[in-house]
Amino acid sequence: MIYLTKKDLIEVVAKKSNLTNKAARDSVQTVLNTIRDSLKRGEKVVLTGFGTFSVRSRAQRVGRNPKTGERITLSARKAPGFTPGKTFKKAIR
């Protein structure tokens, strides 16, 4: 399996956009921060042709402690979610 790290992404952006590594790093970081900050405010982020980032609510549920097998209650929480767009799905198939 091959991973694309943030550093790799910055290098690709720099090369394809004819930017310096610093400018590409700032651009990538700005995009990621904007997505994160929007999700923190409870907003959806829609990137047409790519997908939608949103906040999903997880209900309280009963789980098990893997060490002891004891039943524990896991509290409700919010989690980030991503739904790929139609164009993105087609490109992967």
PDB file of N, CA and C in Angstrom:
ATOM      1  N   MET A   1       0.846  -1.169   0.000  1.00  0.00           N
ATOM      2  CA  MET A   1       0.000   0.000   0.000  1.00  0.00           C
ATOM      3  C   MET A   1       0.896   1.238   0.000  1.00  0.00           C
ATOM      4  N   ILE A   2       0.506   2.208  -0.783  1.00  0.00           N
ATOM      5  CA  ILE A   2       1.257   3.454  -0.875  1.00  0.00           C
ATOM      6  C   ILE A   2       0.452   4.555  -0.209  1.00  0.00           C
ATOM      7  N   TYR A   3       1.118   5.353   0.603  1.00  0.00           N
ATOM      8  CA  TYR A   3       0.467   6.462   1.295  1.00  0.00           C
ATOM      9  C   TYR A   3       0.916   7.783   0.696  1.00  0.00           C
ATOM     10  N   LEU A   4       0.004   8.721   0.618  1.00  0.00           N
ATOM     11  CA  LEU A   4       0.331  10.083   0.223  1.00  0.00           C
ATOM     12  C   LEU A   4       0.312  10.901   1.502  1.00  0.00           C
ATOM     13  N   THR A   5       1.478  11.307   1.947  1.00  0.00           N
ATOM     14  CA  THR A   5       1.568  12.092   3.173  1.00  0.00           C
ATOM     15  C   THR A   5       1.337  13.567   2.858  1.00  0.00           C
ATOM     16  N   LYS A   6       1.172  14.342   3.909  1.00  0.00           N
ATOM     17  CA  LYS A   6       0.986  15.777   3.742  1.00  0.00           C
ATOM     18  C   LYS A   6       2.210  16.376   3.041  1.00  0.00           C
ATOM     19  N   LYS A   7       3.385  15.910   3.406  1.00  0.00           N
ATOM     20  CA  LYS A   7       4.625  16.395   2.775  1.00  0.00           C
ATOM     21  C   LYS A   7       4.616  16.082   1.277  1.00  0.00           C
ATOM     22  N   ASP A   8       4.188  14.862   0.913  1.00  0.00           N
ATOM     23  CA  ASP A   8       4.105  14.479  -0.497  1.00  0.00           C
ATOM     24  C   ASP A   8       3.105  15.364  -1.239  1.00  0.00           C
ATOM     25  N   LEU A   9       1.973  15.625  -0.601  1.00  0.00           N
ATOM     26  CA  LEU A   9       0.947  16.466  -1.208  1.00  0.00           C
ATOM     27  C   LEU A   9       1.484  17.877  -1.465  1.00  0.00           C
ATOM     28  N   ILE A  10       2.212  18.405  -0.517  1.00  0.00           N
ATOM     29  CA  ILE A  10       2.801  19.738  -0.666  1.00  0.00           C
ATOM     30  C   ILE A  10       3.771  19.761  -1.838  1.00  0.00           C
ATOM     31  N   GLU A  11       4.583  18.725  -1.966  1.00  0.00           N
ATOM     32  CA  GLU A  11       5.540  18.655  -3.076  1.00  0.00           C
ATOM     33  C   GLU A  11       4.832  18.592  -4.426  1.00  0.00           C
ATOM     34  N   VAL A  12       3.735  17.827  -4.508  1.00  0.00           N
ATOM     35  CA  VAL A  12       2.971  17.729  -5.752  1.00  0.00           C
ATOM     36  C   VAL A  12       2.343  19.073  -6.104  1.00  0.00           C
ATOM     37  N   VAL A  13       1.759  19.743  -5.113  1.00  0.00           N
ATOM     38  CA  VAL A  13       1.144  21.054  -5.339  1.00  0.00           C
ATOM     39  C   VAL A  13       2.206  22.049  -5.806  1.00  0.00           C
ATOM     40  N   ALA A  14       3.358  22.037  -5.169  1.00  0.00           N
ATOM     41  CA  ALA A  14       4.436  22.958  -5.548  1.00  0.00           C
ATOM     42  C   ALA A  14       4.869  22.728  -6.989  1.00  0.00           C
ATOM     43  N   LYS A  15       5.034  21.468  -7.353  1.00  0.00           N
ATOM     44  CA  LYS A  15       5.509  21.140  -8.692  1.00  0.00           C
ATOM     45  C   LYS A  15       4.477  21.480  -9.767  1.00  0.00           C
ATOM     46  N   LYS A  16       3.217  21.087  -9.532  1.00  0.00           N
ATOM     47  CA  LYS A  16       2.184  21.303 -10.550  1.00  0.00           C
ATOM     48  C   LYS A  16       1.743  22.754 -10.651  1.00  0.00           C
ATOM     49  N   SER A  17       1.932  23.538  -9.594  1.00  0.00           N
ATOM     50  CA  SER A  17       1.492  24.934  -9.592  1.00  0.00           C
ATOM     51  C   SER A  17       2.639  25.911  -9.783  1.00  0.00           C
ATOM     52  N   ASN A  18       3.842  25.402  -9.954  1.00  0.00           N
ATOM     53  CA  ASN A  18       5.033  26.246 -10.065  1.00  0.00           C
ATOM     54  C   ASN A  18       5.155  27.188  -8.875  1.00  0.00           C
ATOM     55  N   LEU A  19       4.949  26.638  -7.671  1.00  0.00           N
ATOM     56  CA  LEU A  19       5.090  27.395  -6.440  1.00  0.00           C
ATOM     57  C   LEU A  19       6.316  26.910  -5.686  1.00  0.00           C
ATOM     58  N   THR A  20       6.783  27.736  -4.782  1.00  0.00           N
ATOM     59  CA  THR A  20       7.843  27.267  -3.891  1.00  0.00           C
ATOM     60  C   THR A  20       7.216  26.295  -2.894  1.00  0.00           C
ATOM     61  N   ASN A  21       8.057  25.487  -2.259  1.00  0.00           N
ATOM     62  CA  ASN A  21       7.543  24.543  -1.259  1.00  0.00           C
ATOM     63  C   ASN A  21       6.848  25.288  -0.118  1.00  0.00           C
ATOM     64  N   LYS A  22       7.380  26.454   0.260  1.00  0.00           N
ATOM     65  CA  LYS A  22       6.788  27.223   1.344  1.00  0.00           C
ATOM     66  C   LYS A  22       5.397  27.722   0.947  1.00  0.00           C
ATOM     67  N   ALA A  23       5.263  28.240  -0.275  1.00  0.00           N
ATOM     68  CA  ALA A  23       3.970  28.738  -0.737  1.00  0.00           C
ATOM     69  C   ALA A  23       2.966  27.593  -0.859  1.00  0.00           C
ATOM     70  N   ALA A  24       3.423  26.443  -1.340  1.00  0.00           N
ATOM     71  CA  ALA A  24       2.540  25.283  -1.459  1.00  0.00           C
ATOM     72  C   ALA A  24       2.128  24.785  -0.076  1.00  0.00           C
ATOM     73  N   ARG A  25       3.067  24.767   0.872  1.00  0.00           N
ATOM     74  CA  ARG A  25       2.753  24.341   2.240  1.00  0.00           C
ATOM     75  C   ARG A  25       1.710  25.266   2.853  1.00  0.00           C
ATOM     76  N   ASP A  26       1.883  26.568   2.656  1.00  0.00           N
ATOM     77  CA  ASP A  26       0.920  27.541   3.177  1.00  0.00           C
ATOM     78  C   ASP A  26      -0.459  27.339   2.540  1.00  0.00           C
ATOM     79  N   SER A  27      -0.492  27.074   1.243  1.00  0.00           N
ATOM     80  CA  SER A  27      -1.759  26.857   0.539  1.00  0.00           C
ATOM     81  C   SER A  27      -2.469  25.610   1.043  1.00  0.00           C
ATOM     82  N   VAL A  28      -1.747  24.505   1.139  1.00  0.00           N
ATOM     83  CA  VAL A  28      -2.344  23.252   1.609  1.00  0.00           C
ATOM     84  C   VAL A  28      -2.825  23.411   3.050  1.00  0.00           C
ATOM     85  N   GLN A  29      -2.017  24.040   3.883  1.00  0.00           N
ATOM     86  CA  GLN A  29      -2.391  24.224   5.285  1.00  0.00           C
ATOM     87  C   GLN A  29      -3.623  25.113   5.418  1.00  0.00           C
ATOM     88  N   THR A  30      -3.722  26.134   4.580  1.00  0.00           N
ATOM     89  CA  THR A  30      -4.880  27.026   4.597  1.00  0.00           C
ATOM     90  C   THR A  30      -6.151  26.274   4.227  1.00  0.00           C
ATOM     91  N   VAL A  31      -6.074  25.428   3.211  1.00  0.00           N
ATOM     92  CA  VAL A  31      -7.244  24.638   2.805  1.00  0.00           C
ATOM     93  C   VAL A  31      -7.663  23.708   3.944  1.00  0.00           C
ATOM     94  N   LEU A  32      -6.717  22.999   4.531  1.00  0.00           N
ATOM     95  CA  LEU A  32      -7.033  22.067   5.616  1.00  0.00           C
ATOM     96  C   LEU A  32      -7.592  22.793   6.839  1.00  0.00           C
ATOM     97  N   ASN A  33      -7.012  23.930   7.175  1.00  0.00           N
ATOM     98  CA  ASN A  33      -7.505  24.710   8.316  1.00  0.00           C
ATOM     99  C   ASN A  33      -8.921  25.229   8.069  1.00  0.00           C
ATOM    100  N   THR A  34      -9.192  25.644   6.843  1.00  0.00           N
ATOM    101  CA  THR A  34     -10.520  26.149   6.499  1.00  0.00           C
ATOM    102  C   THR A  34     -11.562  25.046   6.632  1.00  0.00           C
ATOM    103  N   ILE A  35     -11.243  23.849   6.159  1.00  0.00           N
ATOM    104  CA  ILE A  35     -12.160  22.710   6.298  1.00  0.00           C
ATOM    105  C   ILE A  35     -12.381  22.407   7.770  1.00  0.00           C
ATOM    106  N   ARG A  36     -11.305  22.337   8.545  1.00  0.00           N
ATOM    107  CA  ARG A  36     -11.411  22.040   9.980  1.00  0.00           C
ATOM    108  C   ARG A  36     -12.249  23.085  10.711  1.00  0.00           C
ATOM    109  N   ASP A  37     -11.979  24.361  10.454  1.00  0.00           N
ATOM    110  CA  ASP A  37     -12.695  25.433  11.147  1.00  0.00           C
ATOM    111  C   ASP A  37     -14.181  25.442  10.783  1.00  0.00           C
ATOM    112  N   SER A  38     -14.500  25.157   9.530  1.00  0.00           N
ATOM    113  CA  SER A  38     -15.901  25.100   9.110  1.00  0.00           C
ATOM    114  C   SER A  38     -16.618  23.955   9.814  1.00  0.00           C
ATOM    115  N   LEU A  39     -15.975  22.812   9.912  1.00  0.00           N
ATOM    116  CA  LEU A  39     -16.585  21.668  10.597  1.00  0.00           C
ATOM    117  C   LEU A  39     -16.762  21.953  12.083  1.00  0.00           C
ATOM    118  N   LYS A  40     -15.812  22.675  12.689  1.00  0.00           N
ATOM    119  CA  LYS A  40     -15.937  23.043  14.103  1.00  0.00           C
ATOM    120  C   LYS A  40     -17.172  23.908  14.336  1.00  0.00           C
ATOM    121  N   ARG A  41     -17.526  24.730  13.346  1.00  0.00           N
ATOM    122  CA  ARG A  41     -18.712  25.582  13.457  1.00  0.00           C
ATOM    123  C   ARG A  41     -19.989  24.828  13.079  1.00  0.00           C
ATOM    124  N   GLY A  42     -19.856  23.558  12.705  1.00  0.00           N
ATOM    125  CA  GLY A  42     -21.016  22.747  12.344  1.00  0.00           C
ATOM    126  C   GLY A  42     -21.449  22.910  10.900  1.00  0.00           C
ATOM    127  N   GLU A  43     -20.617  23.508  10.077  1.00  0.00           N
ATOM    128  CA  GLU A  43     -20.953  23.739   8.674  1.00  0.00           C
ATOM    129  C   GLU A  43     -20.490  22.561   7.810  1.00  0.00           C
ATOM    130  N   LYS A  44     -21.144  22.402   6.673  1.00  0.00           N
ATOM    131  CA  LYS A  44     -20.709  21.426   5.675  1.00  0.00           C
ATOM    132  C   LYS A  44     -19.710  22.098   4.746  1.00  0.00           C
ATOM    133  N   VAL A  45     -18.780  21.325   4.235  1.00  0.00           N
ATOM    134  CA  VAL A  45     -17.844  21.823   3.231  1.00  0.00           C
ATOM    135  C   VAL A  45     -18.054  20.974   1.981  1.00  0.00           C
ATOM    136  N   VAL A  46     -18.522  21.598   0.911  1.00  0.00           N
ATOM    137  CA  VAL A  46     -18.812  20.891  -0.332  1.00  0.00           C
ATOM    138  C   VAL A  46     -17.777  21.287  -1.375  1.00  0.00           C
ATOM    139  N   LEU A  47     -17.024  20.307  -1.843  1.00  0.00           N
ATOM    140  CA  LEU A  47     -16.078  20.513  -2.925  1.00  0.00           C
ATOM    141  C   LEU A  47     -16.653  19.799  -4.139  1.00  0.00           C
ATOM    142  N   THR A  48     -17.296  20.560  -5.012  1.00  0.00           N
ATOM    143  CA  THR A  48     -17.990  19.989  -6.157  1.00  0.00           C
ATOM    144  C   THR A  48     -17.050  19.121  -6.985  1.00  0.00           C
ATOM    145  N   GLY A  49     -17.507  17.920  -7.292  1.00  0.00           N
ATOM    146  CA  GLY A  49     -16.710  16.977  -8.058  1.00  0.00           C
ATOM    147  C   GLY A  49     -15.795  16.135  -7.189  1.00  0.00           C
ATOM    148  N   PHE A  50     -15.629  16.493  -5.926  1.00  0.00           N
ATOM    149  CA  PHE A  50     -14.763  15.736  -5.024  1.00  0.00           C
ATOM    150  C   PHE A  50     -15.576  15.082  -3.922  1.00  0.00           C
ATOM    151  N   GLY A  51     -16.262  15.897  -3.115  1.00  0.00           N
ATOM    152  CA  GLY A  51     -17.066  15.319  -2.045  1.00  0.00           C
ATOM    153  C   GLY A  51     -17.484  16.343  -1.018  1.00  0.00           C
ATOM    154  N   THR A  52     -18.122  15.845   0.045  1.00  0.00           N
ATOM    155  CA  THR A  52     -18.650  16.695   1.096  1.00  0.00           C
ATOM    156  C   THR A  52     -18.101  16.263   2.447  1.00  0.00           C
ATOM    157  N   PHE A  53     -17.555  17.218   3.175  1.00  0.00           N
ATOM    158  CA  PHE A  53     -17.119  16.990   4.554  1.00  0.00           C
ATOM    159  C   PHE A  53     -18.242  17.489   5.450  1.00  0.00           C
ATOM    160  N   SER A  54     -18.583  16.714   6.475  1.00  0.00           N
ATOM    161  CA  SER A  54     -19.654  17.124   7.387  1.00  0.00           C
ATOM    162  C   SER A  54     -19.376  16.573   8.786  1.00  0.00           C
ATOM    163  N   VAL A  55     -20.169  17.055   9.737  1.00  0.00           N
ATOM    164  CA  VAL A  55     -20.071  16.573  11.115  1.00  0.00           C
ATOM    165  C   VAL A  55     -21.218  15.598  11.325  1.00  0.00           C
ATOM    166  N   ARG A  56     -20.905  14.414  11.818  1.00  0.00           N
ATOM    167  CA  ARG A  56     -21.915  13.394  12.071  1.00  0.00           C
ATOM    168  C   ARG A  56     -22.044  13.184  13.571  1.00  0.00           C
ATOM    169  N   SER A  57     -23.275  12.982  14.004  1.00  0.00           N
ATOM    170  CA  SER A  57     -23.528  12.737  15.421  1.00  0.00           C
ATOM    171  C   SER A  57     -23.581  11.235  15.664  1.00  0.00           C
ATOM    172  N   ARG A  58     -22.849  10.800  16.655  1.00  0.00           N
ATOM    173  CA  ARG A  58     -22.860   9.397  17.054  1.00  0.00           C
ATOM    174  C   ARG A  58     -23.667   9.282  18.337  1.00  0.00           C
ATOM    175  N   ALA A  59     -24.617   8.393  18.361  1.00  0.00           N
ATOM    176  CA  ALA A  59     -25.467   8.208  19.533  1.00  0.00           C
ATOM    177  C   ALA A  59     -24.714   7.471  20.630  1.00  0.00           C
ATOM    178  N   GLN A  60     -25.215   7.616  21.843  1.00  0.00           N
ATOM    179  CA  GLN A  60     -24.649   6.873  22.970  1.00  0.00           C
ATOM    180  C   GLN A  60     -24.897   5.385  22.714  1.00  0.00           C
ATOM    181  N   ARG A  61     -23.923   4.552  23.064  1.00  0.00           N
ATOM    182  CA  ARG A  61     -24.090   3.119  22.824  1.00  0.00           C
ATOM    183  C   ARG A  61     -23.342   2.320  23.879  1.00  0.00           C
ATOM    184  N   VAL A  62     -23.629   1.054  23.914  1.00  0.00           N
ATOM    185  CA  VAL A  62     -22.958   0.156  24.849  1.00  0.00           C
ATOM    186  C   VAL A  62     -21.841  -0.561  24.099  1.00  0.00           C
ATOM    187  N   GLY A  63     -20.656  -0.559  24.684  1.00  0.00           N
ATOM    188  CA  GLY A  63     -19.518  -1.247  24.108  1.00  0.00           C
ATOM    189  C   GLY A  63     -18.926  -2.200  25.119  1.00  0.00           C
ATOM    190  N   ARG A  64     -17.804  -2.775  24.774  1.00  0.00           N
ATOM    191  CA  ARG A  64     -17.125  -3.698  25.682  1.00  0.00           C
ATOM    192  C   ARG A  64     -15.671  -3.296  25.836  1.00  0.00           C
ATOM    193  N   ASN A  65     -15.179  -3.436  27.061  1.00  0.00           N
ATOM    194  CA  ASN A  65     -13.765  -3.235  27.320  1.00  0.00           C
ATOM    195  C   ASN A  65     -13.052  -4.446  26.724  1.00  0.00           C
ATOM    196  N   PRO A  66     -12.160  -4.243  25.747  1.00  0.00           N
ATOM    197  CA  PRO A  66     -11.526  -5.387  25.085  1.00  0.00           C
ATOM    198  C   PRO A  66     -10.650  -6.224  26.026  1.00  0.00           C
ATOM    199  N   LYS A  67     -10.152  -5.616  27.091  1.00  0.00           N
ATOM    200  CA  LYS A  67      -9.295  -6.337  28.021  1.00  0.00           C
ATOM    201  C   LYS A  67     -10.089  -7.256  28.943  1.00  0.00           C
ATOM    202  N   THR A  68     -11.184  -6.729  29.482  1.00  0.00           N
ATOM    203  CA  THR A  68     -11.925  -7.479  30.495  1.00  0.00           C
ATOM    204  C   THR A  68     -13.250  -8.037  29.985  1.00  0.00           C
ATOM    205  N   GLY A  69     -13.745  -7.523  28.866  1.00  0.00           N
ATOM    206  CA  GLY A  69     -15.038  -7.959  28.359  1.00  0.00           C
ATOM    207  C   GLY A  69     -16.195  -7.275  29.059  1.00  0.00           C
ATOM    208  N   GLU A  70     -15.889  -6.397  29.998  1.00  0.00           N
ATOM    209  CA  GLU A  70     -16.914  -5.682  30.763  1.00  0.00           C
ATOM    210  C   GLU A  70     -17.668  -4.719  29.847  1.00  0.00           C
ATOM    211  N   ARG A  71     -18.987  -4.627  30.049  1.00  0.00           N
ATOM    212  CA  ARG A  71     -19.814  -3.696  29.272  1.00  0.00           C
ATOM    213  C   ARG A  71     -19.586  -2.280  29.789  1.00  0.00           C
ATOM    214  N   ILE A  72     -19.404  -1.358  28.867  1.00  0.00           N
ATOM    215  CA  ILE A  72     -19.226   0.045  29.234  1.00  0.00           C
ATOM    216  C   ILE A  72     -20.130   0.891  28.339  1.00  0.00           C
ATOM    217  N   THR A  73     -20.506   2.059  28.820  1.00  0.00           N
ATOM    218  CA  THR A  73     -21.326   2.974  28.040  1.00  0.00           C
ATOM    219  C   THR A  73     -20.413   3.995  27.362  1.00  0.00           C
ATOM    220  N   LEU A  74     -20.529   4.067  26.049  1.00  0.00           N
ATOM    221  CA  LEU A  74     -19.770   5.052  25.275  1.00  0.00           C
ATOM    222  C   LEU A  74     -20.681   6.242  25.041  1.00  0.00           C
ATOM    223  N   SER A  75     -20.238   7.424  25.438  1.00  0.00           N
ATOM    224  CA  SER A  75     -21.077   8.619  25.353  1.00  0.00           C
ATOM    225  C   SER A  75     -21.270   9.071  23.913  1.00  0.00           C
ATOM    226  N   ALA A  76     -22.316   9.860  23.703  1.00  0.00           N
ATOM    227  CA  ALA A  76     -22.599  10.436  22.393  1.00  0.00           C
ATOM    228  C   ALA A  76     -21.465  11.398  22.039  1.00  0.00           C
ATOM    229  N   ARG A  77     -21.198  11.508  20.757  1.00  0.00           N
ATOM    230  CA  ARG A  77     -20.124  12.401  20.319  1.00  0.00           C
ATOM    231  C   ARG A  77     -20.346  12.819  18.876  1.00  0.00           C
ATOM    232  N   LYS A  78     -19.560  13.762  18.459  1.00  0.00           N
ATOM    233  CA  LYS A  78     -19.578  14.205  17.071  1.00  0.00           C
ATOM    234  C   LYS A  78     -18.305  13.693  16.406  1.00  0.00           C
ATOM    235  N   ALA A  79     -18.415  13.343  15.125  1.00  0.00           N
ATOM    236  CA  ALA A  79     -17.262  12.838  14.390  1.00  0.00           C
ATOM    237  C   ALA A  79     -17.271  13.428  12.983  1.00  0.00           C
ATOM    238  N   PRO A  80     -16.094  13.691  12.424  1.00  0.00           N
ATOM    239  CA  PRO A  80     -16.055  14.186  11.052  1.00  0.00           C
ATOM    240  C   PRO A  80     -16.435  13.063  10.091  1.00  0.00           C
ATOM    241  N   GLY A  81     -17.075  13.449   9.002  1.00  0.00           N
ATOM    242  CA  GLY A  81     -17.449  12.472   7.990  1.00  0.00           C
ATOM    243  C   GLY A  81     -17.150  13.006   6.605  1.00  0.00           C
ATOM    244  N   PHE A  82     -16.995  12.090   5.665  1.00  0.00           N
ATOM    245  CA  PHE A  82     -16.741  12.467   4.274  1.00  0.00           C
ATOM    246  C   PHE A  82     -17.602  11.600   3.379  1.00  0.00           C
ATOM    247  N   THR A  83     -18.293  12.232   2.443  1.00  0.00           N
ATOM    248  CA  THR A  83     -19.073  11.521   1.447  1.00  0.00           C
ATOM    249  C   THR A  83     -18.498  11.872   0.081  1.00  0.00           C
ATOM    250  N   PRO A  84     -17.960  10.892  -0.644  1.00  0.00           N
ATOM    251  CA  PRO A  84     -17.382  11.199  -1.946  1.00  0.00           C
ATOM    252  C   PRO A  84     -18.446  11.623  -2.952  1.00  0.00           C
ATOM    253  N   GLY A  85     -18.064  12.523  -3.841  1.00  0.00           N
ATOM    254  CA  GLY A  85     -18.961  12.995  -4.883  1.00  0.00           C
ATOM    255  C   GLY A  85     -19.033  12.005  -6.036  1.00  0.00           C
ATOM    256  N   LYS A  86     -20.022  12.199  -6.887  1.00  0.00           N
ATOM    257  CA  LYS A  86     -20.254  11.296  -8.007  1.00  0.00           C
ATOM    258  C   LYS A  86     -19.047  11.228  -8.951  1.00  0.00           C
ATOM    259  N   THR A  87     -18.472  12.379  -9.270  1.00  0.00           N
ATOM    260  CA  THR A  87     -17.319  12.423 -10.168  1.00  0.00           C
ATOM    261  C   THR A  87     -16.125  11.697  -9.567  1.00  0.00           C
ATOM    262  N   PHE A  88     -15.911  11.883  -8.271  1.00  0.00           N
ATOM    263  CA  PHE A  88     -14.810  11.230  -7.560  1.00  0.00           C
ATOM    264  C   PHE A  88     -15.004   9.719  -7.567  1.00  0.00           C
ATOM    265  N   LYS A  89     -16.222   9.263  -7.299  1.00  0.00           N
ATOM    266  CA  LYS A  89     -16.508   7.826  -7.310  1.00  0.00           C
ATOM    267  C   LYS A  89     -16.239   7.207  -8.674  1.00  0.00           C
ATOM    268  N   LYS A  90     -16.676   7.918  -9.731  1.00  0.00           N
ATOM    269  CA  LYS A  90     -16.465   7.412 -11.090  1.00  0.00           C
ATOM    270  C   LYS A  90     -14.980   7.304 -11.408  1.00  0.00           C
ATOM    271  N   ALA A  91     -14.184   8.257 -10.954  1.00  0.00           N
ATOM    272  CA  ALA A  91     -12.750   8.252 -11.229  1.00  0.00           C
ATOM    273  C   ALA A  91     -12.052   7.066 -10.560  1.00  0.00           C
ATOM    274  N   ILE A  92     -12.551   6.658  -9.397  1.00  0.00           N
ATOM    275  CA  ILE A  92     -11.939   5.561  -8.664  1.00  0.00           C
ATOM    276  C   ILE A  92     -12.300   4.219  -9.269  1.00  0.00           C
ATOM    277  N   ARG A  93     -13.501   4.094  -9.758  1.00  0.00           N
ATOM    278  CA  ARG A  93     -13.945   2.819 -10.351  1.00  0.00           C
ATOM    279  C   ARG A  93     -13.114   2.542 -11.543  1.00  0.00           C
TER     280      ARG A  93
END
